[in-house]
Amino acid sequence: MLYFCAAELLTNVVKHGGATHATVTLEPHGRGLRLRVQDDGTGGAQVWSPDETGRRSGLVGLAERVRPVDGRLELHSPAGGPTVATVTLPGPVA
């Protein structure tokens, strides 16, 4: 699951972030794992729910994907950057 999260987040960096560098960190977190993707882009990323046409941000889909396993997506992306997206999955890690 974290592989797909990393792929989605890195795709966002390339498509939307205006970044020249990105860092991917995977580390233990309690009995689980924490994935962090940070870029040096323009910031302003948002997790927004579907509008009246059903359009939504891909980050909402990512948050929905990790929720069934009690995972969590956190996003810090002020205007001007940087963007830091963190996905935390509980353990145990097999």
Foldseek 3Di string as FASTA:
>chain_A
DVVVVVVVVVVCCVPPFQFPDKDWDWDDDAQWIKIKIKTQGQFPDDFDAADPVGDGDVVVVVQVVQVVQPKGWDWDTDGRDIIMIMIIGHDNDD
